[in-house]
N, C-alpha and C. Protein backbone atom coordinates (compact mmCIF):
# COMPACT_ATOMS: atom_id res chain seq x y z
N MET A 1 -67.61 -16.83 -186.74
CA MET A 1 -69.00 -16.43 -186.85
C MET A 1 -69.28 -15.32 -185.84
N LYS A 2 -70.14 -14.45 -186.23
CA LYS A 2 -70.48 -13.35 -185.35
C LYS A 2 -71.62 -13.78 -184.43
N PRO A 3 -71.45 -13.57 -183.11
CA PRO A 3 -72.49 -13.99 -182.16
C PRO A 3 -73.87 -13.43 -182.49
N GLU A 4 -73.92 -12.22 -183.07
CA GLU A 4 -75.24 -11.65 -183.36
C GLU A 4 -75.97 -12.37 -184.48
N THR A 5 -75.29 -13.27 -185.20
CA THR A 5 -75.95 -14.04 -186.26
C THR A 5 -76.37 -15.43 -185.78
N LEU A 6 -76.08 -15.74 -184.51
CA LEU A 6 -76.33 -17.09 -183.98
C LEU A 6 -77.59 -17.15 -183.14
N LEU A 7 -78.05 -18.38 -182.91
CA LEU A 7 -79.12 -18.64 -181.96
C LEU A 7 -78.49 -19.37 -180.77
N PHE A 8 -79.10 -19.25 -179.60
CA PHE A 8 -78.54 -19.83 -178.39
C PHE A 8 -79.59 -20.62 -177.62
N ALA A 9 -79.13 -21.73 -177.01
CA ALA A 9 -79.98 -22.52 -176.13
C ALA A 9 -79.69 -22.11 -174.69
N LYS A 10 -80.67 -22.27 -173.82
CA LYS A 10 -80.46 -21.93 -172.41
C LYS A 10 -79.46 -22.87 -171.75
N SER A 11 -79.12 -23.98 -172.41
CA SER A 11 -78.09 -24.89 -171.91
C SER A 11 -76.71 -24.48 -172.44
N HIS A 12 -76.64 -23.30 -173.07
CA HIS A 12 -75.40 -22.62 -173.48
C HIS A 12 -74.74 -23.13 -174.75
N GLU A 13 -75.48 -23.82 -175.59
CA GLU A 13 -74.97 -24.15 -176.92
C GLU A 13 -75.36 -23.01 -177.87
N TRP A 14 -74.49 -22.77 -178.86
CA TRP A 14 -74.85 -21.84 -179.93
C TRP A 14 -75.12 -22.65 -181.19
N LEU A 15 -75.82 -22.01 -182.10
CA LEU A 15 -76.29 -22.69 -183.30
C LEU A 15 -76.21 -21.72 -184.47
N HIS A 16 -75.55 -22.17 -185.54
CA HIS A 16 -75.52 -21.40 -186.79
C HIS A 16 -76.21 -22.24 -187.85
N ILE A 17 -77.20 -21.65 -188.51
CA ILE A 17 -77.97 -22.39 -189.50
C ILE A 17 -77.55 -21.94 -190.91
N ASP A 18 -77.22 -22.93 -191.74
CA ASP A 18 -76.90 -22.68 -193.14
C ASP A 18 -77.66 -23.72 -193.94
N ASN A 19 -78.78 -23.30 -194.53
CA ASN A 19 -79.72 -24.21 -195.20
C ASN A 19 -80.16 -25.28 -194.22
N ASP A 20 -79.83 -26.57 -194.45
CA ASP A 20 -80.29 -27.62 -193.52
C ASP A 20 -79.15 -28.15 -192.64
N ILE A 21 -78.05 -27.39 -192.55
CA ILE A 21 -76.92 -27.77 -191.69
C ILE A 21 -76.83 -26.82 -190.51
N ALA A 22 -76.82 -27.38 -189.32
CA ALA A 22 -76.66 -26.60 -188.10
C ALA A 22 -75.26 -26.86 -187.55
N THR A 23 -74.47 -25.80 -187.39
CA THR A 23 -73.18 -25.90 -186.74
C THR A 23 -73.40 -25.52 -185.28
N ILE A 24 -72.85 -26.34 -184.37
CA ILE A 24 -73.12 -26.19 -182.95
C ILE A 24 -71.80 -26.09 -182.18
N GLY A 25 -71.80 -25.26 -181.17
CA GLY A 25 -70.67 -25.15 -180.24
C GLY A 25 -71.20 -24.70 -178.90
N ILE A 26 -70.29 -24.42 -177.97
CA ILE A 26 -70.74 -23.86 -176.70
C ILE A 26 -70.40 -22.37 -176.70
N SER A 27 -71.19 -21.61 -175.98
CA SER A 27 -71.05 -20.16 -176.01
C SER A 27 -69.79 -19.70 -175.30
N ASP A 28 -69.41 -18.48 -175.61
CA ASP A 28 -68.27 -17.86 -174.94
C ASP A 28 -68.54 -17.79 -173.43
N TYR A 29 -69.76 -17.46 -173.06
CA TYR A 29 -70.14 -17.42 -171.64
C TYR A 29 -69.88 -18.78 -170.98
N ALA A 30 -70.27 -19.85 -171.65
CA ALA A 30 -70.10 -21.20 -171.08
C ALA A 30 -68.62 -21.54 -170.93
N GLN A 31 -67.80 -21.25 -171.94
CA GLN A 31 -66.39 -21.61 -171.83
C GLN A 31 -65.70 -20.80 -170.74
N VAL A 32 -66.12 -19.55 -170.53
CA VAL A 32 -65.54 -18.75 -169.45
C VAL A 32 -65.92 -19.36 -168.10
N GLN A 33 -67.17 -19.78 -167.95
CA GLN A 33 -67.63 -20.39 -166.71
C GLN A 33 -66.88 -21.69 -166.41
N LEU A 34 -66.62 -22.47 -167.44
CA LEU A 34 -65.94 -23.75 -167.27
C LEU A 34 -64.45 -23.59 -167.00
N GLY A 35 -63.84 -22.57 -167.56
CA GLY A 35 -62.39 -22.40 -167.43
C GLY A 35 -61.66 -23.18 -168.51
N ASP A 36 -60.38 -23.43 -168.29
CA ASP A 36 -59.55 -24.09 -169.30
C ASP A 36 -60.04 -25.50 -169.60
N LEU A 37 -60.48 -25.72 -170.83
CA LEU A 37 -60.99 -27.03 -171.22
C LEU A 37 -59.84 -28.01 -171.43
N THR A 38 -60.04 -29.23 -170.93
CA THR A 38 -59.00 -30.25 -171.01
C THR A 38 -59.41 -31.46 -171.84
N PHE A 39 -60.71 -31.62 -172.10
CA PHE A 39 -61.19 -32.79 -172.83
C PHE A 39 -62.54 -32.48 -173.47
N VAL A 40 -62.73 -32.98 -174.68
CA VAL A 40 -64.00 -32.83 -175.40
C VAL A 40 -64.40 -34.20 -175.92
N GLU A 41 -65.64 -34.59 -175.69
CA GLU A 41 -66.18 -35.84 -176.24
C GLU A 41 -67.29 -35.48 -177.21
N LEU A 42 -67.15 -35.92 -178.45
CA LEU A 42 -68.13 -35.61 -179.48
C LEU A 42 -68.73 -36.89 -180.06
N PRO A 43 -69.93 -36.81 -180.63
CA PRO A 43 -70.56 -38.00 -181.20
C PRO A 43 -69.89 -38.43 -182.50
N ALA A 44 -70.15 -39.65 -182.90
CA ALA A 44 -69.63 -40.16 -184.17
C ALA A 44 -70.48 -39.61 -185.32
N VAL A 45 -69.84 -39.39 -186.47
CA VAL A 45 -70.58 -39.02 -187.67
C VAL A 45 -71.59 -40.13 -187.95
N GLY A 46 -72.80 -39.75 -188.31
CA GLY A 46 -73.87 -40.72 -188.55
C GLY A 46 -74.81 -40.88 -187.37
N THR A 47 -74.42 -40.36 -186.19
CA THR A 47 -75.27 -40.43 -185.00
C THR A 47 -76.56 -39.65 -185.24
N GLN A 48 -77.69 -40.26 -184.90
CA GLN A 48 -78.98 -39.58 -184.96
C GLN A 48 -79.23 -38.93 -183.60
N THR A 49 -79.77 -37.73 -183.61
CA THR A 49 -80.04 -37.05 -182.35
C THR A 49 -81.40 -36.37 -182.38
N GLU A 50 -81.90 -36.08 -181.22
CA GLU A 50 -83.17 -35.39 -181.06
C GLU A 50 -82.94 -34.10 -180.27
N ILE A 51 -83.83 -33.14 -180.41
CA ILE A 51 -83.76 -31.89 -179.65
C ILE A 51 -83.68 -32.23 -178.16
N GLY A 52 -82.69 -31.66 -177.49
CA GLY A 52 -82.54 -31.85 -176.05
C GLY A 52 -81.73 -33.06 -175.64
N ALA A 53 -81.35 -33.91 -176.61
CA ALA A 53 -80.56 -35.11 -176.28
C ALA A 53 -79.10 -34.73 -176.04
N GLU A 54 -78.46 -35.46 -175.14
CA GLU A 54 -77.04 -35.25 -174.89
C GLU A 54 -76.25 -35.73 -176.11
N ILE A 55 -75.37 -34.87 -176.64
CA ILE A 55 -74.60 -35.25 -177.82
C ILE A 55 -73.10 -35.15 -177.61
N GLY A 56 -72.70 -34.92 -176.38
CA GLY A 56 -71.28 -34.84 -176.09
C GLY A 56 -71.05 -34.23 -174.74
N SER A 57 -69.77 -33.98 -174.44
CA SER A 57 -69.44 -33.34 -173.17
C SER A 57 -68.11 -32.63 -173.28
N VAL A 58 -67.91 -31.72 -172.36
CA VAL A 58 -66.63 -31.01 -172.23
C VAL A 58 -66.20 -31.10 -170.78
N GLU A 59 -64.89 -31.18 -170.58
CA GLU A 59 -64.35 -31.21 -169.22
C GLU A 59 -63.29 -30.13 -169.10
N SER A 60 -63.25 -29.53 -167.92
CA SER A 60 -62.23 -28.53 -167.63
C SER A 60 -61.62 -28.86 -166.28
N VAL A 61 -60.66 -28.06 -165.87
CA VAL A 61 -60.07 -28.27 -164.56
C VAL A 61 -61.09 -28.03 -163.46
N LYS A 62 -62.16 -27.28 -163.75
CA LYS A 62 -63.17 -26.94 -162.75
C LYS A 62 -64.39 -27.87 -162.75
N ALA A 63 -64.80 -28.34 -163.94
CA ALA A 63 -66.08 -29.06 -164.02
C ALA A 63 -66.20 -29.83 -165.32
N ALA A 64 -67.21 -30.68 -165.36
CA ALA A 64 -67.59 -31.36 -166.60
C ALA A 64 -69.01 -30.90 -166.93
N SER A 65 -69.31 -30.81 -168.22
CA SER A 65 -70.62 -30.34 -168.63
C SER A 65 -71.06 -31.08 -169.89
N GLU A 66 -72.33 -31.44 -169.95
CA GLU A 66 -72.88 -32.09 -171.13
C GLU A 66 -73.19 -31.06 -172.19
N ILE A 67 -73.20 -31.53 -173.43
CA ILE A 67 -73.62 -30.71 -174.57
C ILE A 67 -74.93 -31.30 -175.06
N TYR A 68 -75.94 -30.44 -175.22
CA TYR A 68 -77.26 -30.90 -175.65
C TYR A 68 -77.57 -30.39 -177.04
N SER A 69 -78.23 -31.20 -177.82
CA SER A 69 -78.55 -30.83 -179.19
C SER A 69 -79.75 -29.89 -179.25
N PRO A 70 -79.59 -28.74 -179.90
CA PRO A 70 -80.73 -27.85 -180.09
C PRO A 70 -81.55 -28.21 -181.34
N VAL A 71 -81.16 -29.30 -182.02
CA VAL A 71 -81.86 -29.73 -183.23
C VAL A 71 -82.02 -31.25 -183.24
N SER A 72 -82.91 -31.72 -184.08
CA SER A 72 -83.02 -33.15 -184.39
C SER A 72 -82.39 -33.38 -185.75
N GLY A 73 -81.72 -34.51 -185.92
CA GLY A 73 -81.14 -34.81 -187.22
C GLY A 73 -79.96 -35.76 -187.10
N GLU A 74 -79.08 -35.71 -188.10
CA GLU A 74 -77.94 -36.63 -188.17
C GLU A 74 -76.63 -35.86 -188.15
N VAL A 75 -75.71 -36.31 -187.31
CA VAL A 75 -74.38 -35.70 -187.25
C VAL A 75 -73.67 -35.99 -188.57
N VAL A 76 -73.23 -34.92 -189.25
CA VAL A 76 -72.56 -35.08 -190.54
C VAL A 76 -71.07 -34.72 -190.47
N GLU A 77 -70.67 -34.03 -189.40
CA GLU A 77 -69.26 -33.67 -189.25
C GLU A 77 -69.00 -33.31 -187.80
N VAL A 78 -67.79 -33.64 -187.32
CA VAL A 78 -67.35 -33.19 -185.99
C VAL A 78 -65.99 -32.53 -186.15
N ASN A 79 -65.69 -31.63 -185.23
CA ASN A 79 -64.42 -30.91 -185.27
C ASN A 79 -63.35 -31.78 -184.59
N THR A 80 -62.68 -32.61 -185.38
CA THR A 80 -61.69 -33.55 -184.84
C THR A 80 -60.48 -32.84 -184.24
N GLU A 81 -60.25 -31.59 -184.61
CA GLU A 81 -59.12 -30.84 -184.03
C GLU A 81 -59.27 -30.69 -182.52
N LEU A 82 -60.50 -30.73 -182.02
CA LEU A 82 -60.74 -30.54 -180.58
C LEU A 82 -60.22 -31.72 -179.75
N GLU A 83 -60.06 -32.90 -180.38
CA GLU A 83 -59.55 -34.07 -179.64
C GLU A 83 -58.17 -33.78 -179.05
N ASN A 84 -57.32 -33.14 -179.83
CA ASN A 84 -55.97 -32.83 -179.38
C ASN A 84 -55.81 -31.40 -178.91
N ALA A 85 -56.78 -30.56 -179.18
CA ALA A 85 -56.68 -29.14 -178.82
C ALA A 85 -58.02 -28.60 -178.31
N PRO A 86 -58.51 -29.11 -177.16
CA PRO A 86 -59.79 -28.60 -176.64
C PRO A 86 -59.74 -27.11 -176.30
N GLU A 87 -58.53 -26.59 -176.12
CA GLU A 87 -58.39 -25.17 -175.80
C GLU A 87 -58.85 -24.26 -176.94
N LEU A 88 -59.04 -24.81 -178.15
CA LEU A 88 -59.59 -24.00 -179.25
C LEU A 88 -60.94 -23.40 -178.87
N ILE A 89 -61.69 -24.12 -178.04
CA ILE A 89 -63.00 -23.60 -177.60
C ILE A 89 -62.79 -22.37 -176.72
N ASN A 90 -61.80 -22.42 -175.82
CA ASN A 90 -61.50 -21.26 -175.00
C ASN A 90 -61.00 -20.09 -175.83
N GLN A 91 -60.20 -20.39 -176.84
CA GLN A 91 -59.58 -19.34 -177.65
C GLN A 91 -60.54 -18.72 -178.65
N ASP A 92 -61.47 -19.50 -179.19
CA ASP A 92 -62.35 -19.03 -180.26
C ASP A 92 -63.65 -19.82 -180.27
N ALA A 93 -64.47 -19.59 -179.26
CA ALA A 93 -65.70 -20.38 -179.07
C ALA A 93 -66.63 -20.32 -180.28
N PHE A 94 -66.65 -19.18 -180.99
CA PHE A 94 -67.58 -19.02 -182.11
C PHE A 94 -66.93 -19.26 -183.46
N GLY A 95 -65.69 -19.73 -183.48
CA GLY A 95 -64.98 -19.96 -184.74
C GLY A 95 -64.34 -21.33 -184.74
N ALA A 96 -63.02 -21.37 -184.51
CA ALA A 96 -62.27 -22.62 -184.54
C ALA A 96 -62.77 -23.62 -183.50
N GLY A 97 -63.48 -23.13 -182.48
CA GLY A 97 -64.00 -24.01 -181.43
C GLY A 97 -65.36 -24.62 -181.72
N TRP A 98 -65.84 -24.51 -182.97
CA TRP A 98 -67.12 -25.17 -183.30
C TRP A 98 -66.97 -26.66 -183.00
N MET A 99 -68.07 -27.35 -182.73
CA MET A 99 -67.99 -28.74 -182.30
C MET A 99 -68.61 -29.75 -183.27
N ILE A 100 -69.84 -29.50 -183.67
CA ILE A 100 -70.62 -30.52 -184.39
C ILE A 100 -71.43 -29.86 -185.51
N LYS A 101 -71.56 -30.56 -186.63
CA LYS A 101 -72.48 -30.14 -187.68
C LYS A 101 -73.54 -31.23 -187.83
N ILE A 102 -74.79 -30.80 -187.83
CA ILE A 102 -75.91 -31.73 -187.92
C ILE A 102 -76.80 -31.33 -189.09
N LYS A 103 -77.11 -32.30 -189.94
CA LYS A 103 -78.14 -32.08 -190.97
C LYS A 103 -79.46 -32.22 -190.23
N PHE A 104 -80.15 -31.11 -190.05
CA PHE A 104 -81.30 -31.15 -189.15
C PHE A 104 -82.64 -31.22 -189.85
N THR A 105 -83.58 -31.80 -189.12
CA THR A 105 -84.95 -31.92 -189.60
C THR A 105 -85.90 -31.05 -188.78
N ALA A 106 -85.46 -30.64 -187.59
CA ALA A 106 -86.25 -29.77 -186.72
C ALA A 106 -85.31 -29.06 -185.77
N LYS A 107 -85.69 -27.84 -185.34
CA LYS A 107 -84.89 -27.14 -184.34
C LYS A 107 -85.78 -26.73 -183.18
N SER A 108 -85.15 -26.56 -182.04
CA SER A 108 -85.88 -26.18 -180.83
C SER A 108 -86.62 -24.86 -181.05
N ASP A 109 -87.80 -24.75 -180.47
CA ASP A 109 -88.53 -23.48 -180.53
C ASP A 109 -88.20 -22.62 -179.31
N GLN A 110 -87.22 -23.06 -178.52
CA GLN A 110 -86.80 -22.34 -177.31
C GLN A 110 -85.51 -21.55 -177.51
N LEU A 111 -85.02 -21.44 -178.75
CA LEU A 111 -83.74 -20.78 -179.00
C LEU A 111 -83.86 -19.26 -178.86
N LEU A 112 -82.77 -18.64 -178.42
CA LEU A 112 -82.75 -17.21 -178.14
C LEU A 112 -81.81 -16.48 -179.10
N ASP A 113 -82.11 -15.22 -179.39
CA ASP A 113 -81.16 -14.40 -180.11
C ASP A 113 -80.11 -13.90 -179.11
N LEU A 114 -79.08 -13.22 -179.59
CA LEU A 114 -77.97 -12.81 -178.73
C LEU A 114 -78.44 -11.92 -177.58
N ALA A 115 -79.29 -10.94 -177.83
CA ALA A 115 -79.75 -10.03 -176.78
C ALA A 115 -80.50 -10.80 -175.68
N SER A 116 -81.38 -11.70 -176.08
CA SER A 116 -82.13 -12.49 -175.10
C SER A 116 -81.23 -13.43 -174.33
N TYR A 117 -80.25 -14.05 -175.02
CA TYR A 117 -79.31 -14.95 -174.36
C TYR A 117 -78.44 -14.19 -173.37
N THR A 118 -77.96 -13.01 -173.76
CA THR A 118 -77.14 -12.19 -172.86
C THR A 118 -77.93 -11.84 -171.60
N ALA A 119 -79.20 -11.47 -171.76
CA ALA A 119 -80.05 -11.17 -170.61
C ALA A 119 -80.25 -12.42 -169.75
N PHE A 120 -80.45 -13.57 -170.38
CA PHE A 120 -80.60 -14.82 -169.64
C PHE A 120 -79.35 -15.12 -168.81
N CYS A 121 -78.17 -14.94 -169.40
CA CYS A 121 -76.91 -15.22 -168.69
C CYS A 121 -76.72 -14.26 -167.51
N ALA A 122 -77.09 -12.99 -167.70
CA ALA A 122 -76.99 -12.00 -166.63
C ALA A 122 -77.90 -12.40 -165.47
N GLU A 123 -79.11 -12.86 -165.81
CA GLU A 123 -80.08 -13.30 -164.79
C GLU A 123 -79.54 -14.54 -164.06
N GLU A 124 -78.98 -15.48 -164.82
CA GLU A 124 -78.46 -16.72 -164.25
C GLU A 124 -77.28 -16.46 -163.32
N ALA A 125 -76.51 -15.43 -163.60
CA ALA A 125 -75.32 -15.10 -162.79
C ALA A 125 -75.70 -14.56 -161.41
N HIS A 126 -76.95 -14.15 -161.23
CA HIS A 126 -77.37 -13.59 -159.93
C HIS A 126 -78.03 -14.58 -159.05
């Protein structure tokens, strides 16, 4: 997926919307900050979530970080390849490193486009 077609949360998740399915991952900026990922914990299919709720976590040699849902709805698919290959997120954060698909009923009104997210990350880095 092309980053310019995505929406971003200030907690560094990206979101791709296709009808009522939201595909979610962590941004390239976030994976660079975390370093080499060693573990990914994702929710079970069927899990109900709300905007802002913790829906998983990632761990790296440097840190652990929670993943927050930018939408409300039901988890309909998870990227099971990440269980054995969390490095896919480092290699392709916006493609093979996708994490969760949620059939959503609402999305955050705080989501940013790529330009706004890039500016936010630049500000956060200072």
